[in-house]
Amino acid sequence: MGDILKIDGGLEGGESLSKEQNAFNKKVKEIKSLKKELEELSAALDVAQREYQKKVIPLQNDFFGLTKERLRILSDYYWNEKLSKALKKDLLEVLIAECQSLTIYGGADDEVQKWLEEFETQLGAGSIEDLRKEEAAFDEAFNKFFDDYLGKDEEKGFEGDRGPHNSGQKKKAAKQAAKEEVRKRSIKEIYRGLIKVFHPDKELDEAAKIEKEEISKEITEAYKKNDLLALLEFETSLLISDKARIKEIADDKLKIYNEVLLEQKKDLENRLYLLKSKNEIVYKGMCMKNSNKERFLRKVTSDLSERNDALVQQMFVLQNDKKYLKYFIATYLGGYEEF
């Protein structure tokens, strides 16, 4: 619909726009810009994610497979080699941590899950459970003490909240609820008026009927989403030849419209933020204006390949040099960084 939803000044001999009218125009422009950015970024991220996964996921799968094989080597040490009690205990911590890491980042694996259960049993999961029960009993005793000795004071405190301050809050809440009802009614009025115009049942021409069905669906979808801007655009499109009427509609309940539009703007900003956050690596590497997609993918795949090669070398040393095991465990528990 382009820029038809805009309040024009100068309709009556150069009169200027009011504060609310200017605010309305500004919010409409901002919302349209955010909608466009959200749509374009969503499409760009879909393409980028597919390309990223095509090149990166196989290398990540290789890494998880190698990590599982390293876990098998460490497990053989635990079950089959004679180790000091302290070293064996530390190795058990490493084994559990590695199993948990694989379960979280590598996906479901029945074999790894079985190993994890065996290692947790070895660590003494029963003793840990007893400790948890003791902590729960302590918490329960403390809560009982709190209820017995402080309960009356707490009740007095709550009763005190029923005074004038609470009464003021109730009035404020009632006023806000009434205001919200007005806003909802305004949107509902626009929706009902549009549905009357675009309802397909009274249309005799088949092509026009199909077109109205599609428009009615869009209007209903906008209403369900509380998308005031979309509803106003539909409404204004019906009156595009009558600029004076457009301005009159814009002035009617304009303050309420601006409040709803502000909420819609904040919602779009939040959705945009979440979209970027959820896809942060791909967004920064491939979808920002200054991103170099090819260089980013080369860097990621190169780093992953180097990591996998280093892991293969480490596994070879672990398998053939028992002395390295002690160093590996100490490094791991002291702040080991995965390859």
C-alpha atoms as a PDB file:
ATOM      1  CA  MET A   1       0.000   0.000   0.000  1.00  0.00           C
ATOM      2  CA  GLY A   2       3.040   2.240  -0.110  1.00  0.00           C
ATOM      3  CA  ASP A   3       2.929   5.464   1.905  1.00  0.00           C
ATOM      4  CA  ILE A   4      -0.808   6.106   1.744  1.00  0.00           C
ATOM      5  CA  LEU A   5      -1.093   5.861   5.528  1.00  0.00           C
ATOM      6  CA  LYS A   6       0.242   9.292   6.313  1.00  0.00           C
ATOM      7  CA  ILE A   7      -1.400  12.402   7.679  1.00  0.00           C
ATOM      8  CA  ASP A   8      -0.795  15.322   5.311  1.00  0.00           C
ATOM      9  CA  GLY A   9      -0.531  18.910   6.456  1.00  0.00           C
ATOM     10  CA  GLY A  10      -1.723  21.897   4.486  1.00  0.00           C
ATOM     11  CA  LEU A  11      -5.214  20.598   3.814  1.00  0.00           C
ATOM     12  CA  GLU A  12      -6.784  23.825   5.010  1.00  0.00           C
ATOM     13  CA  GLY A  13      -4.531  26.572   3.673  1.00  0.00           C
ATOM     14  CA  GLY A  14      -1.172  25.511   5.035  1.00  0.00           C
ATOM     15  CA  GLU A  15      -2.160  24.406   8.533  1.00  0.00           C
ATOM     16  CA  SER A  16       0.558  22.497  10.349  1.00  0.00           C
ATOM     17  CA  LEU A  17       0.254  19.072  11.950  1.00  0.00           C
ATOM     18  CA  SER A  18      -0.399  18.604  15.647  1.00  0.00           C
ATOM     19  CA  LYS A  19       2.005  16.871  18.024  1.00  0.00           C
ATOM     20  CA  GLU A  20      -0.058  13.659  17.949  1.00  0.00           C
ATOM     21  CA  GLN A  21      -0.283  13.743  14.136  1.00  0.00           C
ATOM     22  CA  ASN A  22       3.475  14.125  13.807  1.00  0.00           C
ATOM     23  CA  ALA A  23       3.951  11.295  16.305  1.00  0.00           C
ATOM     24  CA  PHE A  24       1.546   9.142  14.296  1.00  0.00           C
ATOM     25  CA  ASN A  25       3.465   9.719  11.058  1.00  0.00           C
ATOM     26  CA  LYS A  26       6.775   8.992  12.770  1.00  0.00           C
ATOM     27  CA  LYS A  27       5.584   5.730  14.332  1.00  0.00           C
ATOM     28  CA  VAL A  28       4.033   4.524  11.068  1.00  0.00           C
ATOM     29  CA  LYS A  29       7.326   5.173   9.272  1.00  0.00           C
ATOM     30  CA  GLU A  30       9.333   3.394  11.991  1.00  0.00           C
ATOM     31  CA  ILE A  31       7.030   0.364  12.045  1.00  0.00           C
ATOM     32  CA  LYS A  32       7.132   0.007   8.267  1.00  0.00           C
ATOM     33  CA  SER A  33      10.924   0.178   8.382  1.00  0.00           C
ATOM     34  CA  LEU A  34      11.099  -2.442  11.162  1.00  0.00           C
ATOM     35  CA  LYS A  35       8.710  -4.770   9.321  1.00  0.00           C
ATOM     36  CA  LYS A  36      10.815  -4.495   6.177  1.00  0.00           C
ATOM     37  CA  GLU A  37      14.045  -5.093   8.092  1.00  0.00           C
ATOM     38  CA  LEU A  38      12.550  -8.099   9.910  1.00  0.00           C
ATOM     39  CA  GLU A  39      11.298  -9.628   6.658  1.00  0.00           C
ATOM     40  CA  GLU A  40      14.578  -9.068   4.799  1.00  0.00           C
ATOM     41  CA  LEU A  41      16.741 -10.325   7.673  1.00  0.00           C
ATOM     42  CA  SER A  42      14.599 -13.457   8.120  1.00  0.00           C
ATOM     43  CA  ALA A  43      15.024 -14.298   4.435  1.00  0.00           C
ATOM     44  CA  ALA A  44      18.776 -13.574   4.513  1.00  0.00           C
ATOM     45  CA  LEU A  45      19.289 -15.701   7.631  1.00  0.00           C
ATOM     46  CA  ASP A  46      17.411 -18.635   6.091  1.00  0.00           C
ATOM     47  CA  VAL A  47      19.803 -18.633   3.129  1.00  0.00           C
ATOM     48  CA  ALA A  48      22.873 -18.077   5.330  1.00  0.00           C
ATOM     49  CA  GLN A  49      21.928 -20.817   7.806  1.00  0.00           C
ATOM     50  CA  ARG A  50      21.502 -23.364   5.019  1.00  0.00           C
ATOM     51  CA  GLU A  51      24.922 -22.497   3.596  1.00  0.00           C
ATOM     52  CA  TYR A  52      26.518 -22.467   7.058  1.00  0.00           C
ATOM     53  CA  GLN A  53      25.068 -25.854   7.986  1.00  0.00           C
ATOM     54  CA  LYS A  54      26.070 -27.385   4.674  1.00  0.00           C
ATOM     55  CA  LYS A  55      29.753 -26.545   5.289  1.00  0.00           C
ATOM     56  CA  VAL A  56      29.982 -26.563   9.079  1.00  0.00           C
ATOM     57  CA  ILE A  57      27.699 -29.346  10.337  1.00  0.00           C
ATOM     58  CA  PRO A  58      29.772 -32.198   8.779  1.00  0.00           C
ATOM     59  CA  LEU A  59      32.889 -30.885  10.548  1.00  0.00           C
ATOM     60  CA  GLN A  60      30.986 -30.550  13.828  1.00  0.00           C
ATOM     61  CA  ASN A  61      29.696 -34.116  13.468  1.00  0.00           C
ATOM     62  CA  ASP A  62      33.276 -35.264  12.912  1.00  0.00           C
ATOM     63  CA  PHE A  63      34.292 -33.463  16.105  1.00  0.00           C
ATOM     64  CA  PHE A  64      31.570 -35.129  18.162  1.00  0.00           C
ATOM     65  CA  GLY A  65      32.532 -38.511  16.738  1.00  0.00           C
ATOM     66  CA  LEU A  66      36.193 -37.928  17.618  1.00  0.00           C
ATOM     67  CA  THR A  67      35.268 -36.680  21.092  1.00  0.00           C
ATOM     68  CA  LYS A  68      33.256 -39.843  21.656  1.00  0.00           C
ATOM     69  CA  GLU A  69      36.250 -41.921  20.568  1.00  0.00           C
ATOM     70  CA  ARG A  70      38.469 -39.990  22.997  1.00  0.00           C
ATOM     71  CA  LEU A  71      35.918 -40.736  25.695  1.00  0.00           C
ATOM     72  CA  ARG A  72      36.217 -44.429  24.837  1.00  0.00           C
ATOM     73  CA  ILE A  73      40.021 -44.266  25.219  1.00  0.00           C
ATOM     74  CA  LEU A  74      39.714 -42.522  28.599  1.00  0.00           C
ATOM     75  CA  SER A  75      37.088 -45.064  29.651  1.00  0.00           C
ATOM     76  CA  ASP A  76      39.492 -47.917  28.852  1.00  0.00           C
ATOM     77  CA  TYR A  77      42.032 -46.313  31.152  1.00  0.00           C
ATOM     78  CA  TYR A  78      39.460 -46.126  33.942  1.00  0.00           C
ATOM     79  CA  TRP A  79      38.249 -49.713  33.665  1.00  0.00           C
ATOM     80  CA  ASN A  80      41.394 -51.554  32.566  1.00  0.00           C
ATOM     81  CA  GLU A  81      44.478 -49.704  33.827  1.00  0.00           C
ATOM     82  CA  LYS A  82      45.931 -49.636  37.327  1.00  0.00           C
ATOM     83  CA  LEU A  83      45.769 -46.010  38.478  1.00  0.00           C
ATOM     84  CA  SER A  84      46.261 -44.280  41.816  1.00  0.00           C
ATOM     85  CA  LYS A  85      43.065 -43.652  43.786  1.00  0.00           C
ATOM     86  CA  ALA A  86      43.381 -39.875  43.394  1.00  0.00           C
ATOM     87  CA  LEU A  87      44.068 -40.061  39.641  1.00  0.00           C
ATOM     88  CA  LYS A  88      41.184 -42.456  39.107  1.00  0.00           C
ATOM     89  CA  LYS A  89      38.831 -40.137  40.991  1.00  0.00           C
ATOM     90  CA  ASP A  90      39.931 -37.171  38.861  1.00  0.00           C
ATOM     91  CA  LEU A  91      39.573 -39.237  35.688  1.00  0.00           C
ATOM     92  CA  LEU A  92      36.028 -40.120  36.736  1.00  0.00           C
ATOM     93  CA  GLU A  93      35.181 -36.409  36.965  1.00  0.00           C
ATOM     94  CA  VAL A  94      36.570 -35.907  33.450  1.00  0.00           C
ATOM     95  CA  LEU A  95      34.555 -38.839  32.100  1.00  0.00           C
ATOM     96  CA  ILE A  96      31.303 -37.541  33.589  1.00  0.00           C
ATOM     97  CA  ALA A  97      31.956 -34.012  32.299  1.00  0.00           C
ATOM     98  CA  GLU A  98      32.704 -35.323  28.807  1.00  0.00           C
ATOM     99  CA  CYS A  99      29.556 -37.483  28.770  1.00  0.00           C
ATOM    100  CA  GLN A 100      27.442 -34.522  29.863  1.00  0.00           C
ATOM    101  CA  SER A 101      29.033 -32.286  27.229  1.00  0.00           C
ATOM    102  CA  LEU A 102      28.358 -34.817  24.485  1.00  0.00           C
ATOM    103  CA  THR A 103      24.770 -35.255  25.664  1.00  0.00           C
ATOM    104  CA  ILE A 104      24.150 -31.487  25.601  1.00  0.00           C
ATOM    105  CA  TYR A 105      25.982 -30.507  22.413  1.00  0.00           C
ATOM    106  CA  GLY A 106      26.173 -33.761  20.468  1.00  0.00           C
ATOM    107  CA  GLY A 107      22.566 -34.834  20.721  1.00  0.00           C
ATOM    108  CA  ALA A 108      21.009 -38.011  22.094  1.00  0.00           C
ATOM    109  CA  ASP A 109      23.321 -41.025  22.114  1.00  0.00           C
ATOM    110  CA  ASP A 110      22.255 -44.192  23.946  1.00  0.00           C
ATOM    111  CA  GLU A 111      25.813 -45.426  24.374  1.00  0.00           C
ATOM    112  CA  VAL A 112      27.038 -42.151  25.891  1.00  0.00           C
ATOM    113  CA  GLN A 113      23.992 -42.028  28.164  1.00  0.00           C
ATOM    114  CA  LYS A 114      24.763 -45.559  29.372  1.00  0.00           C
ATOM    115  CA  TRP A 115      28.372 -44.574  30.086  1.00  0.00           C
ATOM    116  CA  LEU A 116      27.197 -41.520  32.007  1.00  0.00           C
ATOM    117  CA  GLU A 117      24.937 -43.633  34.224  1.00  0.00           C
ATOM    118  CA  GLU A 118      27.767 -46.073  34.921  1.00  0.00           C
ATOM    119  CA  PHE A 119      30.224 -43.311  35.803  1.00  0.00           C
ATOM    120  CA  GLU A 120      27.722 -41.501  38.052  1.00  0.00           C
ATOM    121  CA  THR A 121      27.123 -44.790  39.866  1.00  0.00           C
ATOM    122  CA  GLN A 122      30.861 -45.103  40.343  1.00  0.00           C
ATOM    123  CA  LEU A 123      31.041 -41.603  41.790  1.00  0.00           C
ATOM    124  CA  GLY A 124      28.464 -42.557  44.364  1.00  0.00           C
ATOM    125  CA  ALA A 125      25.209 -41.120  43.130  1.00  0.00           C
ATOM    126  CA  GLY A 126      23.476 -42.677  46.155  1.00  0.00           C
ATOM    127  CA  SER A 127      25.586 -40.626  48.585  1.00  0.00           C
ATOM    128  CA  ILE A 128      24.885 -37.476  46.596  1.00  0.00           C
ATOM    129  CA  GLU A 129      21.158 -38.205  46.771  1.00  0.00           C
ATOM    130  CA  ASP A 130      21.377 -38.619  50.575  1.00  0.00           C
ATOM    131  CA  LEU A 131      23.109 -35.253  50.787  1.00  0.00           C
ATOM    132  CA  ARG A 132      20.323 -33.678  48.745  1.00  0.00           C
ATOM    133  CA  LYS A 133      17.739 -35.187  51.093  1.00  0.00           C
ATOM    134  CA  GLU A 134      19.575 -33.734  54.090  1.00  0.00           C
ATOM    135  CA  GLU A 135      19.605 -30.319  52.446  1.00  0.00           C
ATOM    136  CA  ALA A 136      15.882 -30.603  51.681  1.00  0.00           C
ATOM    137  CA  ALA A 137      15.160 -31.577  55.323  1.00  0.00           C
ATOM    138  CA  PHE A 138      17.161 -28.577  56.530  1.00  0.00           C
ATOM    139  CA  ASP A 139      15.252 -26.261  54.188  1.00  0.00           C
ATOM    140  CA  GLU A 140      11.962 -27.668  55.422  1.00  0.00           C
ATOM    141  CA  ALA A 141      12.963 -27.172  59.079  1.00  0.00           C
ATOM    142  CA  PHE A 142      14.078 -23.616  58.392  1.00  0.00           C
ATOM    143  CA  ASN A 143      10.843 -22.787  56.557  1.00  0.00           C
ATOM    144  CA  LYS A 144       8.835 -24.176  59.475  1.00  0.00           C
ATOM    145  CA  PHE A 145      10.827 -22.006  61.872  1.00  0.00           C
ATOM    146  CA  PHE A 146      10.201 -18.994  59.657  1.00  0.00           C
ATOM    147  CA  ASP A 147       6.446 -19.679  59.500  1.00  0.00           C
ATOM    148  CA  ASP A 148       6.116 -20.335  63.268  1.00  0.00           C
ATOM    149  CA  TYR A 149       8.047 -17.337  64.527  1.00  0.00           C
ATOM    150  CA  LEU A 150       7.623 -14.756  61.785  1.00  0.00           C
ATOM    151  CA  GLY A 151       4.263 -15.703  60.332  1.00  0.00           C
ATOM    152  CA  LYS A 152       2.239 -13.271  62.450  1.00  0.00           C
ATOM    153  CA  ASP A 153       4.450 -10.344  61.568  1.00  0.00           C
ATOM    154  CA  GLU A 154       4.226 -11.256  57.907  1.00  0.00           C
ATOM    155  CA  GLU A 155       0.448 -11.363  58.130  1.00  0.00           C
ATOM    156  CA  LYS A 156       0.390  -7.916  59.732  1.00  0.00           C
ATOM    157  CA  GLY A 157       2.584  -6.651  56.930  1.00  0.00           C
ATOM    158  CA  PHE A 158       0.177  -7.962  54.339  1.00  0.00           C
ATOM    159  CA  GLU A 159      -2.792  -6.480  56.184  1.00  0.00           C
ATOM    160  CA  GLY A 160      -1.052  -3.154  56.162  1.00  0.00           C
ATOM    161  CA  ASP A 161      -0.963  -3.255  52.381  1.00  0.00           C
ATOM    162  CA  ARG A 162      -4.740  -3.060  52.354  1.00  0.00           C
ATOM    163  CA  GLY A 163      -4.663   0.625  53.305  1.00  0.00           C
ATOM    164  CA  PRO A 164      -4.903   3.775  51.194  1.00  0.00           C
ATOM    165  CA  HIS A 165      -1.775   2.945  49.188  1.00  0.00           C
ATOM    166  CA  ASN A 166      -3.352  -0.294  47.973  1.00  0.00           C
ATOM    167  CA  SER A 167      -6.592   1.559  47.243  1.00  0.00           C
ATOM    168  CA  GLY A 168      -4.682   3.947  45.011  1.00  0.00           C
ATOM    169  CA  GLN A 169      -3.129   1.058  43.180  1.00  0.00           C
ATOM    170  CA  LYS A 170      -6.558  -0.454  42.588  1.00  0.00           C
ATOM    171  CA  LYS A 171      -7.831   2.838  41.129  1.00  0.00           C
ATOM    172  CA  LYS A 172      -4.780   3.059  38.899  1.00  0.00           C
ATOM    173  CA  ALA A 173      -5.298  -0.533  37.737  1.00  0.00           C
ATOM    174  CA  ALA A 174      -8.988   0.101  37.057  1.00  0.00           C
ATOM    175  CA  LYS A 175      -8.140   3.218  35.071  1.00  0.00           C
ATOM    176  CA  GLN A 176      -5.559   1.288  33.052  1.00  0.00           C
ATOM    177  CA  ALA A 177      -8.065  -1.516  32.406  1.00  0.00           C
ATOM    178  CA  ALA A 178     -10.658   1.013  31.192  1.00  0.00           C
ATOM    179  CA  LYS A 179      -8.069   2.605  28.939  1.00  0.00           C
ATOM    180  CA  GLU A 180      -7.127  -0.778  27.532  1.00  0.00           C
ATOM    181  CA  GLU A 181     -10.789  -1.531  26.867  1.00  0.00           C
ATOM    182  CA  VAL A 182     -11.113   1.682  24.851  1.00  0.00           C
ATOM    183  CA  ARG A 183      -8.060   0.775  22.821  1.00  0.00           C
ATOM    184  CA  LYS A 184      -9.343  -2.727  22.119  1.00  0.00           C
ATOM    185  CA  ARG A 185     -12.744  -1.345  21.176  1.00  0.00           C
ATOM    186  CA  SER A 186     -11.105   1.102  18.753  1.00  0.00           C
ATOM    187  CA  ILE A 187      -9.267  -1.698  16.993  1.00  0.00           C
ATOM    188  CA  LYS A 188     -12.384  -3.860  16.992  1.00  0.00           C
ATOM    189  CA  GLU A 189     -14.428  -1.049  15.410  1.00  0.00           C
ATOM    190  CA  ILE A 190     -11.910  -0.729  12.585  1.00  0.00           C
ATOM    191  CA  TYR A 191     -11.921  -4.493  12.106  1.00  0.00           C
ATOM    192  CA  ARG A 192     -15.708  -4.778  11.968  1.00  0.00           C
ATOM    193  CA  GLY A 193     -15.981  -1.927   9.488  1.00  0.00           C
ATOM    194  CA  LEU A 194     -13.398  -3.503   7.204  1.00  0.00           C
ATOM    195  CA  ILE A 195     -14.971  -6.953   7.319  1.00  0.00           C
ATOM    196  CA  LYS A 196     -18.312  -5.450   6.270  1.00  0.00           C
ATOM    197  CA  VAL A 197     -16.681  -3.885   3.217  1.00  0.00           C
ATOM    198  CA  PHE A 198     -14.575  -6.872   2.210  1.00  0.00           C
ATOM    199  CA  HIS A 199     -16.965  -9.702   3.125  1.00  0.00           C
ATOM    200  CA  PRO A 200     -17.114 -12.002   0.060  1.00  0.00           C
ATOM    201  CA  ASP A 201     -20.600 -13.483   0.546  1.00  0.00           C
ATOM    202  CA  LYS A 202     -22.438 -10.607  -1.136  1.00  0.00           C
ATOM    203  CA  GLU A 203     -20.028 -10.472  -4.078  1.00  0.00           C
ATOM    204  CA  LEU A 204     -21.484 -11.828  -7.332  1.00  0.00           C
ATOM    205  CA  ASP A 205     -18.343 -11.648  -9.465  1.00  0.00           C
ATOM    206  CA  GLU A 206     -16.281 -14.813  -8.828  1.00  0.00           C
ATOM    207  CA  ALA A 207     -12.878 -13.180  -9.307  1.00  0.00           C
ATOM    208  CA  ALA A 208     -13.793 -10.290  -6.993  1.00  0.00           C
ATOM    209  CA  LYS A 209     -15.167 -12.771  -4.472  1.00  0.00           C
ATOM    210  CA  ILE A 210     -11.874 -14.675  -4.350  1.00  0.00           C
ATOM    211  CA  GLU A 211      -9.943 -11.415  -3.957  1.00  0.00           C
ATOM    212  CA  LYS A 212     -12.180 -10.315  -1.077  1.00  0.00           C
ATOM    213  CA  GLU A 213     -11.754 -13.695   0.622  1.00  0.00           C
ATOM    214  CA  GLU A 214      -7.989 -13.230   0.616  1.00  0.00           C
ATOM    215  CA  ILE A 215      -8.241  -9.645   1.884  1.00  0.00           C
ATOM    216  CA  SER A 216     -10.667 -10.733   4.622  1.00  0.00           C
ATOM    217  CA  LYS A 217      -8.170 -13.356   5.759  1.00  0.00           C
ATOM    218  CA  GLU A 218      -5.415 -10.731   5.922  1.00  0.00           C
ATOM    219  CA  ILE A 219      -7.651  -8.363   7.888  1.00  0.00           C
ATOM    220  CA  THR A 220      -8.617 -11.093  10.353  1.00  0.00           C
ATOM    221  CA  GLU A 221      -4.974 -12.122  10.769  1.00  0.00           C
ATOM    222  CA  ALA A 222      -3.985  -8.505  11.473  1.00  0.00           C
ATOM    223  CA  TYR A 223      -6.783  -8.214  14.035  1.00  0.00           C
ATOM    224  CA  LYS A 224      -5.697 -11.399  15.812  1.00  0.00           C
ATOM    225  CA  LYS A 225      -2.130 -10.055  15.999  1.00  0.00           C
ATOM    226  CA  ASN A 226      -3.385  -6.691  17.286  1.00  0.00           C
ATOM    227  CA  ASP A 227      -1.624  -5.145  14.273  1.00  0.00           C
ATOM    228  CA  LEU A 228      -3.207  -1.703  14.288  1.00  0.00           C
ATOM    229  CA  LEU A 229      -0.975  -0.412  11.491  1.00  0.00           C
ATOM    230  CA  ALA A 230      -2.114  -3.094   9.055  1.00  0.00           C
ATOM    231  CA  LEU A 231      -5.784  -2.444   9.901  1.00  0.00           C
ATOM    232  CA  LEU A 232      -5.330   1.299   9.463  1.00  0.00           C
ATOM    233  CA  GLU A 233      -3.653   0.730   6.100  1.00  0.00           C
ATOM    234  CA  PHE A 234      -6.636  -1.312   4.919  1.00  0.00           C
ATOM    235  CA  GLU A 235      -9.024   1.356   6.206  1.00  0.00           C
ATOM    236  CA  THR A 236      -7.086   4.211   4.629  1.00  0.00           C
ATOM    237  CA  SER A 237      -6.862   2.433   1.275  1.00  0.00           C
ATOM    238  CA  LEU A 238     -10.653   2.658   1.062  1.00  0.00           C
ATOM    239  CA  LEU A 239     -10.522   6.441   1.520  1.00  0.00           C
ATOM    240  CA  ILE A 240      -7.414   7.366  -0.430  1.00  0.00           C
ATOM    241  CA  SER A 241      -9.321   9.812  -2.635  1.00  0.00           C
ATOM    242  CA  ASP A 242     -10.672  11.690   0.394  1.00  0.00           C
ATOM    243  CA  LYS A 243      -7.625  13.252   2.118  1.00  0.00           C
ATOM    244  CA  ALA A 244      -9.728  15.365   4.418  1.00  0.00           C
ATOM    245  CA  ARG A 245     -11.514  12.270   5.656  1.00  0.00           C
ATOM    246  CA  ILE A 246      -8.167  10.505   6.175  1.00  0.00           C
ATOM    247  CA  LYS A 247      -7.034  13.349   8.379  1.00  0.00           C
ATOM    248  CA  GLU A 248     -10.324  13.293  10.262  1.00  0.00           C
ATOM    249  CA  ILE A 249      -9.971   9.561  10.951  1.00  0.00           C
ATOM    250  CA  ALA A 250      -6.381  10.054  12.013  1.00  0.00           C
ATOM    251  CA  ASP A 251      -7.405  12.730  14.541  1.00  0.00           C
ATOM    252  CA  ASP A 252     -10.125  10.530  15.973  1.00  0.00           C
ATOM    253  CA  LYS A 253      -8.648   8.676  18.968  1.00  0.00           C
ATOM    254  CA  LEU A 254      -5.185   9.466  17.637  1.00  0.00           C
ATOM    255  CA  LYS A 255      -3.599   9.368  21.072  1.00  0.00           C
ATOM    256  CA  ILE A 256      -4.900   5.843  21.586  1.00  0.00           C
ATOM    257  CA  TYR A 257      -3.636   4.797  18.172  1.00  0.00           C
ATOM    258  CA  ASN A 258      -0.195   6.194  18.971  1.00  0.00           C
ATOM    259  CA  GLU A 259      -0.028   4.161  22.176  1.00  0.00           C
ATOM    260  CA  VAL A 260      -0.903   0.965  20.325  1.00  0.00           C
ATOM    261  CA  LEU A 261       1.560   1.763  17.554  1.00  0.00           C
ATOM    262  CA  LEU A 262       4.285   2.338  20.154  1.00  0.00           C
ATOM    263  CA  GLU A 263       3.649  -1.120  21.602  1.00  0.00           C
ATOM    264  CA  GLN A 264       3.710  -2.591  18.103  1.00  0.00           C
ATOM    265  CA  LYS A 265       7.024  -0.863  17.423  1.00  0.00           C
ATOM    266  CA  LYS A 266       8.528  -2.236  20.658  1.00  0.00           C
ATOM    267  CA  ASP A 267       7.303  -5.733  19.789  1.00  0.00           C
ATOM    268  CA  LEU A 268       8.946  -5.553  16.363  1.00  0.00           C
ATOM    269  CA  GLU A 269      12.180  -4.264  17.898  1.00  0.00           C
ATOM    270  CA  ASN A 270      12.148  -7.159  20.360  1.00  0.00           C
ATOM    271  CA  ARG A 271      11.498  -9.708  17.612  1.00  0.00           C
ATOM    272  CA  LEU A 272      14.366  -8.252  15.594  1.00  0.00           C
ATOM    273  CA  TYR A 273      16.679  -8.399  18.609  1.00  0.00           C
ATOM    274  CA  LEU A 274      15.733 -12.022  19.344  1.00  0.00           C
ATOM    275  CA  LEU A 275      16.239 -13.008  15.706  1.00  0.00           C
ATOM    276  CA  LYS A 276      19.739 -11.538  15.729  1.00  0.00           C
ATOM    277  CA  SER A 277      20.576 -13.051  19.124  1.00  0.00           C
ATOM    278  CA  LYS A 278      19.315 -16.521  18.212  1.00  0.00           C
ATOM    279  CA  ASN A 279      21.433 -16.511  15.046  1.00  0.00           C
ATOM    280  CA  GLU A 280      24.267 -14.377  16.420  1.00  0.00           C
ATOM    281  CA  ILE A 281      27.212 -16.221  14.841  1.00  0.00           C
ATOM    282  CA  VAL A 282      25.686 -16.462  11.367  1.00  0.00           C
ATOM    283  CA  TYR A 283      24.184 -12.964  11.605  1.00  0.00           C
ATOM    284  CA  LYS A 284      27.514 -11.297  12.457  1.00  0.00           C
ATOM    285  CA  GLY A 285      29.529 -13.429  10.074  1.00  0.00           C
ATOM    286  CA  MET A 286      27.225 -13.463   7.057  1.00  0.00           C
ATOM    287  CA  CYS A 287      24.312 -11.012   7.289  1.00  0.00           C
ATOM    288  CA  MET A 288      25.611  -7.703   8.644  1.00  0.00           C
ATOM    289  CA  LYS A 289      26.354  -4.930   6.154  1.00  0.00           C
ATOM    290  CA  ASN A 290      30.100  -5.221   6.651  1.00  0.00           C
ATOM    291  CA  SER A 291      30.140  -9.044   6.728  1.00  0.00           C
ATOM    292  CA  ASN A 292      32.335 -10.987   4.325  1.00  0.00           C
ATOM    293  CA  LYS A 293      30.447 -14.265   3.971  1.00  0.00           C
ATOM    294  CA  GLU A 294      33.131 -16.152   2.035  1.00  0.00           C
ATOM    295  CA  ARG A 295      35.938 -15.139   4.392  1.00  0.00           C
ATOM    296  CA  PHE A 296      33.811 -16.006   7.434  1.00  0.00           C
ATOM    297  CA  LEU A 297      33.001 -19.510   6.152  1.00  0.00           C
ATOM    298  CA  ARG A 298      36.662 -20.125   5.259  1.00  0.00           C
ATOM    299  CA  LYS A 299      37.711 -19.090   8.756  1.00  0.00           C
ATOM    300  CA  VAL A 300      35.088 -21.250  10.511  1.00  0.00           C
ATOM    301  CA  THR A 301      35.762 -24.371   8.439  1.00  0.00           C
ATOM    302  CA  SER A 302      39.536 -23.891   8.777  1.00  0.00           C
ATOM    303  CA  ASP A 303      39.287 -23.576  12.565  1.00  0.00           C
ATOM    304  CA  LEU A 304      37.066 -26.639  12.815  1.00  0.00           C
ATOM    305  CA  SER A 305      39.378 -28.698  10.627  1.00  0.00           C
ATOM    306  CA  GLU A 306      42.389 -27.674  12.728  1.00  0.00           C
ATOM    307  CA  ARG A 307      40.466 -28.553  15.885  1.00  0.00           C
ATOM    308  CA  ASN A 308      39.613 -31.999  14.552  1.00  0.00           C
ATOM    309  CA  ASP A 309      43.215 -32.633  13.435  1.00  0.00           C
ATOM    310  CA  ALA A 310      44.500 -31.610  16.882  1.00  0.00           C
ATOM    311  CA  LEU A 311      41.985 -33.942  18.530  1.00  0.00           C
ATOM    312  CA  VAL A 312      43.185 -36.862  16.380  1.00  0.00           C
ATOM    313  CA  GLN A 313      46.774 -36.146  17.434  1.00  0.00           C
ATOM    314  CA  GLN A 314      45.795 -35.898  21.091  1.00  0.00           C
ATOM    315  CA  MET A 315      43.969 -39.233  20.924  1.00  0.00           C
ATOM    316  CA  PHE A 316      47.069 -40.859  19.424  1.00  0.00           C
ATOM    317  CA  VAL A 317      49.226 -39.594  22.311  1.00  0.00           C
ATOM    318  CA  LEU A 318      46.628 -40.623  24.913  1.00  0.00           C
ATOM    319  CA  GLN A 319      46.471 -44.123  23.491  1.00  0.00           C
ATOM    320  CA  ASN A 320      50.235 -44.626  23.361  1.00  0.00           C
ATOM    321  CA  ASP A 321      51.601 -42.672  26.320  1.00  0.00           C
ATOM    322  CA  LYS A 322      50.166 -43.379  29.749  1.00  0.00           C
ATOM    323  CA  LYS A 323      52.213 -40.543  31.285  1.00  0.00           C
ATOM    324  CA  TYR A 324      50.266 -38.044  29.145  1.00  0.00           C
ATOM    325  CA  LEU A 325      47.030 -39.104  30.852  1.00  0.00           C
ATOM    326  CA  LYS A 326      48.015 -37.391  34.111  1.00  0.00           C
ATOM    327  CA  TYR A 327      48.860 -34.165  32.275  1.00  0.00           C
ATOM    328  CA  PHE A 328      45.624 -34.328  30.279  1.00  0.00           C
ATOM    329  CA  ILE A 329      43.463 -34.760  33.407  1.00  0.00           C
ATOM    330  CA  ALA A 330      45.253 -31.969  35.304  1.00  0.00           C
ATOM    331  CA  THR A 331      44.860 -29.617  32.328  1.00  0.00           C
ATOM    332  CA  TYR A 332      41.212 -30.559  31.856  1.00  0.00           C
ATOM    333  CA  LEU A 333      40.231 -30.008  35.477  1.00  0.00           C
ATOM    334  CA  GLY A 334      42.328 -26.865  35.687  1.00  0.00           C
ATOM    335  CA  GLY A 335      40.427 -25.099  32.940  1.00  0.00           C
ATOM    336  CA  TYR A 336      40.765 -27.236  29.847  1.00  0.00           C
ATOM    337  CA  GLU A 337      39.572 -25.700  26.582  1.00  0.00           C
ATOM    338  CA  GLU A 338      38.054 -28.062  24.066  1.00  0.00           C
ATOM    339  CA  PHE A 339      39.686 -28.332  20.651  1.00  0.00           C
END
